[in-house]
Amino acid sequence: MEIERKYLITNPPADLESYPCEIIEQGYLNTNPVVRVRRLNDEYILTYKGKGLLAREEYNLPLTAEAYAHLIQKSDGYIISKKRYLIPLENDLTIELDRFVSPRQGLLMAEVEFPTEEAANAFVPPAWFGEEVTFDPNYHNSTMSRLG
């Protein structure tokens, strides 16, 4: 189960580059339900996501580099590229701040994943977070892959 809240970011921390960073490339084989292939640094993953906005099923399976290379070519729409910065929060939470390279060059969006829906609903975001877009499907990566 994936339980997360999403926010737009207009003023990221000044020391953003000091945090660990991951390079992500992903394509969508299907968007309803979501079936995604992702390269996360040197890892390759096939993901299935069920329906939902705040909480939804999620299953991840490892892929080989060769399988990923084959499947990414089958993607519908745009391939998403982004840098993800991992910023620690209290209560063992992590802000995953994505800086999109393609197709939404420059978009900054933060996600925070939670162990329970209660924890997600009780979350008070840092002051530098912008508008919450958890319940706006236009900010799902799968939607952005279709709309650019």
N, C-alpha and C. Protein backbone atom coordinates (compact mmCIF):
# COMPACT_ATOMS: atom_id res chain seq x y z
N MET A 1 0.85 -1.18 0.00
CA MET A 1 0.00 0.00 0.00
C MET A 1 0.89 1.23 0.00
N GLU A 2 0.58 2.15 -0.89
CA GLU A 2 1.28 3.44 -0.94
C GLU A 2 0.33 4.49 -0.38
N ILE A 3 0.81 5.23 0.63
CA ILE A 3 0.04 6.31 1.23
C ILE A 3 0.92 7.54 1.17
N GLU A 4 0.54 8.53 0.36
CA GLU A 4 1.39 9.70 0.21
C GLU A 4 0.59 10.96 -0.01
N ARG A 5 1.23 12.08 0.35
CA ARG A 5 0.68 13.41 0.05
C ARG A 5 1.68 14.12 -0.83
N LYS A 6 1.16 14.96 -1.76
CA LYS A 6 1.99 15.65 -2.75
C LYS A 6 1.77 17.16 -2.66
N TYR A 7 2.87 17.89 -2.89
CA TYR A 7 2.83 19.35 -2.81
C TYR A 7 3.66 19.96 -3.92
N LEU A 8 3.21 21.10 -4.45
CA LEU A 8 4.03 21.87 -5.36
C LEU A 8 5.04 22.66 -4.52
N ILE A 9 6.21 22.88 -5.08
CA ILE A 9 7.26 23.61 -4.39
C ILE A 9 7.70 24.78 -5.27
N THR A 10 7.69 25.97 -4.70
CA THR A 10 8.18 27.14 -5.44
C THR A 10 9.50 27.65 -4.87
N ASN A 11 9.73 27.42 -3.58
CA ASN A 11 10.96 27.87 -2.93
C ASN A 11 11.62 26.70 -2.21
N PRO A 12 12.40 25.91 -2.94
CA PRO A 12 13.05 24.75 -2.30
C PRO A 12 14.13 25.22 -1.32
N PRO A 13 14.57 24.33 -0.44
CA PRO A 13 15.65 24.70 0.48
C PRO A 13 16.89 25.16 -0.29
N ALA A 14 17.56 26.17 0.24
CA ALA A 14 18.76 26.71 -0.42
C ALA A 14 19.86 25.66 -0.51
N ASP A 15 19.88 24.71 0.43
CA ASP A 15 20.93 23.68 0.45
C ASP A 15 20.48 22.38 -0.22
N LEU A 16 19.54 22.47 -1.15
CA LEU A 16 18.97 21.27 -1.80
C LEU A 16 20.04 20.34 -2.33
N GLU A 17 21.07 20.88 -2.95
CA GLU A 17 22.12 20.05 -3.56
C GLU A 17 22.94 19.27 -2.53
N SER A 18 22.79 19.58 -1.26
CA SER A 18 23.54 18.87 -0.23
C SER A 18 22.88 17.55 0.17
N TYR A 19 21.65 17.32 -0.28
CA TYR A 19 20.92 16.10 0.07
C TYR A 19 21.19 14.99 -0.94
N PRO A 20 21.04 13.73 -0.50
CA PRO A 20 21.20 12.62 -1.47
C PRO A 20 20.22 12.79 -2.63
N CYS A 21 20.67 12.38 -3.80
CA CYS A 21 19.89 12.57 -5.02
C CYS A 21 19.84 11.28 -5.81
N GLU A 22 18.68 11.00 -6.38
CA GLU A 22 18.51 9.85 -7.27
C GLU A 22 18.13 10.36 -8.66
N ILE A 23 18.58 9.66 -9.68
CA ILE A 23 18.22 9.98 -11.06
C ILE A 23 17.15 8.97 -11.48
N ILE A 24 16.02 9.50 -11.95
CA ILE A 24 14.88 8.65 -12.29
C ILE A 24 14.47 8.89 -13.74
N GLU A 25 14.22 7.79 -14.44
CA GLU A 25 13.62 7.82 -15.77
C GLU A 25 12.50 6.79 -15.72
N GLN A 26 11.30 7.16 -16.20
CA GLN A 26 10.20 6.20 -16.14
C GLN A 26 9.23 6.42 -17.29
N GLY A 27 8.65 5.30 -17.71
CA GLY A 27 7.65 5.31 -18.76
C GLY A 27 6.46 4.48 -18.34
N TYR A 28 5.32 4.77 -18.94
CA TYR A 28 4.07 4.11 -18.56
C TYR A 28 3.59 3.21 -19.69
N LEU A 29 3.44 1.94 -19.38
CA LEU A 29 2.92 0.97 -20.34
C LEU A 29 1.40 1.03 -20.37
N ASN A 30 0.82 1.47 -19.24
CA ASN A 30 -0.62 1.60 -19.09
C ASN A 30 -0.86 2.63 -17.99
N THR A 31 -1.95 3.38 -18.10
CA THR A 31 -2.23 4.38 -17.06
C THR A 31 -3.50 4.09 -16.26
N ASN A 32 -4.28 3.09 -16.66
CA ASN A 32 -5.47 2.73 -15.90
C ASN A 32 -5.76 1.24 -16.03
N PRO A 33 -5.21 0.42 -15.14
CA PRO A 33 -4.38 0.74 -13.98
C PRO A 33 -2.98 1.14 -14.42
N VAL A 34 -2.25 1.75 -13.49
CA VAL A 34 -0.89 2.20 -13.78
C VAL A 34 0.07 1.02 -13.82
N VAL A 35 0.77 0.89 -14.94
CA VAL A 35 1.86 -0.07 -15.08
C VAL A 35 3.05 0.74 -15.60
N ARG A 36 4.09 0.81 -14.77
CA ARG A 36 5.22 1.69 -15.05
C ARG A 36 6.53 0.91 -15.03
N VAL A 37 7.47 1.33 -15.88
CA VAL A 37 8.84 0.84 -15.78
C VAL A 37 9.71 2.03 -15.38
N ARG A 38 10.66 1.77 -14.48
CA ARG A 38 11.48 2.86 -13.94
C ARG A 38 12.93 2.43 -13.83
N ARG A 39 13.79 3.39 -14.20
CA ARG A 39 15.22 3.26 -13.88
C ARG A 39 15.47 4.22 -12.73
N LEU A 40 15.94 3.69 -11.62
CA LEU A 40 16.26 4.47 -10.43
C LEU A 40 17.75 4.28 -10.19
N ASN A 41 18.55 5.27 -10.64
CA ASN A 41 20.01 5.13 -10.66
C ASN A 41 20.34 3.88 -11.48
N ASP A 42 20.85 2.83 -10.86
CA ASP A 42 21.20 1.61 -11.59
C ASP A 42 20.26 0.44 -11.29
N GLU A 43 19.07 0.73 -10.78
CA GLU A 43 18.06 -0.29 -10.53
C GLU A 43 16.95 -0.14 -11.57
N TYR A 44 16.29 -1.25 -11.87
CA TYR A 44 15.22 -1.27 -12.86
C TYR A 44 14.01 -1.95 -12.23
N ILE A 45 12.84 -1.31 -12.34
CA ILE A 45 11.66 -1.76 -11.60
C ILE A 45 10.42 -1.69 -12.48
N LEU A 46 9.59 -2.70 -12.38
CA LEU A 46 8.25 -2.72 -12.97
C LEU A 46 7.28 -2.50 -11.82
N THR A 47 6.38 -1.53 -11.95
CA THR A 47 5.45 -1.18 -10.87
C THR A 47 4.02 -1.25 -11.37
N TYR A 48 3.16 -1.81 -10.53
CA TYR A 48 1.71 -1.78 -10.74
C TYR A 48 1.13 -0.93 -9.62
N LYS A 49 0.25 0.03 -9.95
CA LYS A 49 -0.44 0.85 -8.95
C LYS A 49 -1.94 0.76 -9.20
N GLY A 50 -2.69 0.53 -8.12
CA GLY A 50 -4.14 0.50 -8.20
C GLY A 50 -4.72 1.90 -8.20
N LYS A 51 -6.03 1.97 -8.11
CA LYS A 51 -6.72 3.26 -8.11
C LYS A 51 -6.60 3.92 -6.74
N GLY A 52 -6.70 5.24 -6.75
CA GLY A 52 -6.69 5.99 -5.50
C GLY A 52 -5.83 7.23 -5.62
N LEU A 53 -6.00 8.15 -4.68
CA LEU A 53 -5.23 9.39 -4.68
C LEU A 53 -4.33 9.47 -3.45
N LEU A 54 -4.88 9.38 -2.26
CA LEU A 54 -4.07 9.41 -1.04
C LEU A 54 -3.45 8.04 -0.77
N ALA A 55 -4.24 6.99 -0.96
CA ALA A 55 -3.77 5.63 -0.68
C ALA A 55 -4.17 4.72 -1.83
N ARG A 56 -3.24 3.84 -2.22
CA ARG A 56 -3.54 2.86 -3.27
C ARG A 56 -2.55 1.72 -3.23
N GLU A 57 -2.98 0.60 -3.81
CA GLU A 57 -2.10 -0.57 -3.89
C GLU A 57 -0.89 -0.24 -4.74
N GLU A 58 0.25 -0.84 -4.38
CA GLU A 58 1.45 -0.69 -5.19
C GLU A 58 2.29 -1.95 -5.05
N TYR A 59 2.71 -2.48 -6.19
CA TYR A 59 3.57 -3.66 -6.23
C TYR A 59 4.76 -3.36 -7.12
N ASN A 60 5.95 -3.70 -6.64
CA ASN A 60 7.19 -3.47 -7.39
C ASN A 60 7.90 -4.79 -7.64
N LEU A 61 8.35 -4.97 -8.88
CA LEU A 61 9.09 -6.16 -9.27
C LEU A 61 10.40 -5.74 -9.93
N PRO A 62 11.50 -6.40 -9.60
CA PRO A 62 12.78 -6.04 -10.22
C PRO A 62 12.80 -6.44 -11.69
N LEU A 63 13.52 -5.64 -12.47
CA LEU A 63 13.75 -5.93 -13.89
C LEU A 63 15.24 -5.96 -14.14
N THR A 64 15.64 -6.61 -15.20
CA THR A 64 17.02 -6.51 -15.66
C THR A 64 17.15 -5.25 -16.51
N ALA A 65 18.37 -4.81 -16.74
CA ALA A 65 18.60 -3.66 -17.60
C ALA A 65 18.07 -3.92 -19.01
N GLU A 66 18.23 -5.16 -19.46
CA GLU A 66 17.77 -5.51 -20.81
C GLU A 66 16.25 -5.47 -20.90
N ALA A 67 15.57 -5.99 -19.88
CA ALA A 67 14.10 -5.96 -19.89
C ALA A 67 13.60 -4.52 -19.84
N TYR A 68 14.25 -3.69 -19.02
CA TYR A 68 13.87 -2.29 -18.94
C TYR A 68 14.05 -1.61 -20.31
N ALA A 69 15.19 -1.82 -20.93
CA ALA A 69 15.47 -1.19 -22.23
C ALA A 69 14.42 -1.59 -23.26
N HIS A 70 13.97 -2.83 -23.21
CA HIS A 70 12.94 -3.30 -24.14
C HIS A 70 11.59 -2.64 -23.81
N LEU A 71 11.21 -2.64 -22.52
CA LEU A 71 9.89 -2.15 -22.14
C LEU A 71 9.74 -0.64 -22.23
N ILE A 72 10.80 0.12 -21.94
CA ILE A 72 10.69 1.58 -21.98
C ILE A 72 10.33 2.05 -23.38
N GLN A 73 10.74 1.29 -24.39
CA GLN A 73 10.40 1.64 -25.78
C GLN A 73 8.92 1.45 -26.07
N LYS A 74 8.22 0.70 -25.22
CA LYS A 74 6.79 0.43 -25.40
C LYS A 74 5.93 1.46 -24.67
N SER A 75 6.55 2.44 -24.02
CA SER A 75 5.81 3.44 -23.24
C SER A 75 4.85 4.23 -24.11
N ASP A 76 3.69 4.53 -23.53
CA ASP A 76 2.74 5.45 -24.15
C ASP A 76 3.07 6.85 -23.66
N GLY A 77 3.07 7.81 -24.53
CA GLY A 77 3.28 9.19 -24.11
C GLY A 77 4.74 9.51 -23.86
N TYR A 78 4.95 10.50 -23.01
CA TYR A 78 6.29 11.01 -22.71
C TYR A 78 6.99 10.14 -21.68
N ILE A 79 8.29 10.03 -21.81
CA ILE A 79 9.11 9.41 -20.77
C ILE A 79 9.48 10.50 -19.80
N ILE A 80 9.25 10.26 -18.51
CA ILE A 80 9.51 11.24 -17.47
C ILE A 80 10.93 11.07 -16.95
N SER A 81 11.65 12.18 -16.88
CA SER A 81 12.98 12.21 -16.30
C SER A 81 12.98 13.24 -15.18
N LYS A 82 13.61 12.88 -14.06
CA LYS A 82 13.64 13.81 -12.93
C LYS A 82 14.79 13.46 -11.99
N LYS A 83 15.17 14.44 -11.19
CA LYS A 83 16.12 14.24 -10.10
C LYS A 83 15.31 14.25 -8.82
N ARG A 84 15.55 13.27 -7.95
CA ARG A 84 14.82 13.18 -6.68
C ARG A 84 15.79 13.41 -5.53
N TYR A 85 15.50 14.42 -4.73
CA TYR A 85 16.30 14.73 -3.55
C TYR A 85 15.59 14.14 -2.33
N LEU A 86 16.34 13.49 -1.47
CA LEU A 86 15.78 12.84 -0.28
C LEU A 86 16.12 13.66 0.95
N ILE A 87 15.09 14.29 1.53
CA ILE A 87 15.27 15.22 2.64
C ILE A 87 14.62 14.61 3.89
N PRO A 88 15.40 14.33 4.91
CA PRO A 88 14.83 13.69 6.11
C PRO A 88 13.91 14.63 6.87
N LEU A 89 12.87 14.03 7.45
CA LEU A 89 11.91 14.72 8.32
C LEU A 89 11.87 13.97 9.65
N GLU A 90 11.24 14.57 10.62
CA GLU A 90 11.05 13.88 11.90
C GLU A 90 10.12 12.69 11.73
N ASN A 91 10.05 11.83 12.74
CA ASN A 91 9.19 10.63 12.75
C ASN A 91 9.53 9.65 11.63
N ASP A 92 10.81 9.58 11.26
CA ASP A 92 11.29 8.65 10.23
C ASP A 92 10.64 8.87 8.87
N LEU A 93 10.19 10.08 8.59
CA LEU A 93 9.61 10.40 7.29
C LEU A 93 10.69 11.03 6.42
N THR A 94 10.45 10.98 5.10
CA THR A 94 11.37 11.55 4.13
C THR A 94 10.59 12.35 3.10
N ILE A 95 11.07 13.55 2.82
CA ILE A 95 10.53 14.32 1.70
C ILE A 95 11.25 13.85 0.45
N GLU A 96 10.50 13.46 -0.56
CA GLU A 96 11.05 13.12 -1.87
C GLU A 96 10.75 14.30 -2.78
N LEU A 97 11.73 15.17 -2.97
CA LEU A 97 11.53 16.38 -3.76
C LEU A 97 12.02 16.11 -5.19
N ASP A 98 11.08 16.13 -6.13
CA ASP A 98 11.39 15.85 -7.53
C ASP A 98 11.55 17.15 -8.31
N ARG A 99 12.67 17.26 -9.02
CA ARG A 99 12.90 18.35 -9.97
C ARG A 99 12.81 17.72 -11.36
N PHE A 100 11.74 18.03 -12.08
CA PHE A 100 11.50 17.40 -13.37
C PHE A 100 12.42 17.98 -14.44
N VAL A 101 12.96 17.07 -15.24
CA VAL A 101 13.79 17.44 -16.38
C VAL A 101 12.93 17.39 -17.64
N SER A 102 12.10 16.35 -17.73
CA SER A 102 11.24 16.16 -18.89
C SER A 102 10.01 15.38 -18.45
N PRO A 103 8.83 15.65 -18.94
CA PRO A 103 8.46 16.68 -19.89
C PRO A 103 8.15 18.02 -19.24
N ARG A 104 8.04 18.11 -17.95
CA ARG A 104 7.68 19.37 -17.28
C ARG A 104 8.92 20.02 -16.68
N GLN A 105 9.82 20.43 -17.56
CA GLN A 105 11.10 21.03 -17.17
C GLN A 105 10.91 22.08 -16.07
N GLY A 106 11.62 21.87 -14.95
CA GLY A 106 11.61 22.85 -13.88
C GLY A 106 10.53 22.67 -12.83
N LEU A 107 9.51 21.83 -13.07
CA LEU A 107 8.49 21.60 -12.06
C LEU A 107 9.13 20.98 -10.83
N LEU A 108 8.78 21.50 -9.67
CA LEU A 108 9.24 20.95 -8.39
C LEU A 108 8.03 20.44 -7.63
N MET A 109 8.09 19.18 -7.21
CA MET A 109 6.99 18.58 -6.48
C MET A 109 7.57 17.71 -5.37
N ALA A 110 6.98 17.83 -4.19
CA ALA A 110 7.43 17.03 -3.05
C ALA A 110 6.35 16.01 -2.70
N GLU A 111 6.81 14.80 -2.36
CA GLU A 111 5.92 13.74 -1.89
C GLU A 111 6.45 13.28 -0.54
N VAL A 112 5.52 12.94 0.35
CA VAL A 112 5.88 12.34 1.62
C VAL A 112 5.02 11.09 1.76
N GLU A 113 5.66 9.95 1.99
CA GLU A 113 4.95 8.67 2.18
C GLU A 113 4.80 8.40 3.67
N PHE A 114 3.67 7.77 4.01
CA PHE A 114 3.31 7.55 5.41
C PHE A 114 3.00 6.08 5.67
N PRO A 115 3.16 5.66 6.93
CA PRO A 115 2.85 4.27 7.27
C PRO A 115 1.35 3.99 7.37
N THR A 116 0.55 5.04 7.67
CA THR A 116 -0.90 4.88 7.82
C THR A 116 -1.61 6.11 7.26
N GLU A 117 -2.89 5.96 6.95
CA GLU A 117 -3.69 7.10 6.52
C GLU A 117 -3.85 8.11 7.65
N GLU A 118 -3.91 7.62 8.89
CA GLU A 118 -4.02 8.53 10.04
C GLU A 118 -2.80 9.45 10.11
N ALA A 119 -1.61 8.87 9.92
CA ALA A 119 -0.38 9.68 9.93
C ALA A 119 -0.39 10.68 8.78
N ALA A 120 -0.87 10.26 7.62
CA ALA A 120 -0.94 11.17 6.46
C ALA A 120 -1.89 12.33 6.75
N ASN A 121 -3.04 12.03 7.34
CA ASN A 121 -4.02 13.08 7.62
C ASN A 121 -3.56 14.03 8.73
N ALA A 122 -2.70 13.56 9.63
CA ALA A 122 -2.21 14.39 10.73
C ALA A 122 -0.99 15.21 10.34
N PHE A 123 -0.43 14.97 9.17
CA PHE A 123 0.81 15.62 8.75
C PHE A 123 0.64 17.12 8.58
N VAL A 124 1.56 17.88 9.15
CA VAL A 124 1.62 19.33 8.96
C VAL A 124 2.87 19.60 8.12
N PRO A 125 2.70 20.06 6.89
CA PRO A 125 3.86 20.23 6.00
C PRO A 125 4.76 21.37 6.46
N PRO A 126 6.04 21.29 6.09
CA PRO A 126 6.94 22.41 6.38
C PRO A 126 6.44 23.70 5.73
N ALA A 127 6.83 24.81 6.28
CA ALA A 127 6.36 26.12 5.80
C ALA A 127 6.74 26.38 4.35
N TRP A 128 7.82 25.77 3.85
CA TRP A 128 8.26 26.04 2.49
C TRP A 128 7.50 25.22 1.43
N PHE A 129 6.61 24.31 1.87
CA PHE A 129 5.77 23.58 0.93
C PHE A 129 4.72 24.53 0.37
N GLY A 130 4.37 24.33 -0.92
CA GLY A 130 3.34 25.12 -1.56
C GLY A 130 2.00 24.39 -1.54
N GLU A 131 1.24 24.61 -2.58
CA GLU A 131 -0.10 24.05 -2.72
C GLU A 131 -0.09 22.53 -2.67
N GLU A 132 -1.02 21.95 -1.92
CA GLU A 132 -1.16 20.49 -1.90
C GLU A 132 -1.90 20.04 -3.15
N VAL A 133 -1.38 19.01 -3.82
CA VAL A 133 -1.98 18.50 -5.05
C VAL A 133 -2.27 16.99 -4.95
N THR A 134 -2.33 16.49 -3.73
CA THR A 134 -2.59 15.06 -3.51
C THR A 134 -3.83 14.59 -4.25
N PHE A 135 -4.88 15.39 -4.22
CA PHE A 135 -6.16 14.97 -4.77
C PHE A 135 -6.41 15.50 -6.18
N ASP A 136 -5.37 16.01 -6.82
CA ASP A 136 -5.47 16.49 -8.19
C ASP A 136 -4.77 15.50 -9.11
N PRO A 137 -5.52 14.67 -9.83
CA PRO A 137 -4.90 13.65 -10.67
C PRO A 137 -4.00 14.22 -11.77
N ASN A 138 -4.10 15.52 -12.07
CA ASN A 138 -3.22 16.12 -13.07
C ASN A 138 -1.76 16.07 -12.64
N TYR A 139 -1.50 15.88 -11.35
CA TYR A 139 -0.13 15.83 -10.85
C TYR A 139 0.35 14.40 -10.60
N HIS A 140 -0.40 13.41 -11.04
CA HIS A 140 0.12 12.04 -11.05
C HIS A 140 1.11 11.96 -12.20
N ASN A 141 2.22 11.30 -11.98
CA ASN A 141 3.21 11.15 -13.05
C ASN A 141 2.60 10.46 -14.27
N SER A 142 1.69 9.52 -14.03
CA SER A 142 1.07 8.82 -15.16
C SER A 142 0.26 9.78 -16.04
N THR A 143 -0.42 10.74 -15.43
CA THR A 143 -1.16 11.75 -16.19
C THR A 143 -0.19 12.67 -16.92
N MET A 144 0.86 13.11 -16.23
CA MET A 144 1.84 13.99 -16.87
C MET A 144 2.52 13.31 -18.05
N SER A 145 2.66 11.99 -18.00
CA SER A 145 3.28 11.28 -19.13
C SER A 145 2.40 11.35 -20.38
N ARG A 146 1.11 11.50 -20.19
CA ARG A 146 0.20 11.59 -21.34
C ARG A 146 0.05 13.02 -21.84
N LEU A 147 0.10 14.00 -20.91
CA LEU A 147 -0.19 15.39 -21.27
C LEU A 147 1.05 16.23 -21.55
N GLY A 148 2.20 15.76 -21.10
CA GLY A 148 3.42 16.53 -21.32
C GLY A 148 3.52 17.72 -20.40
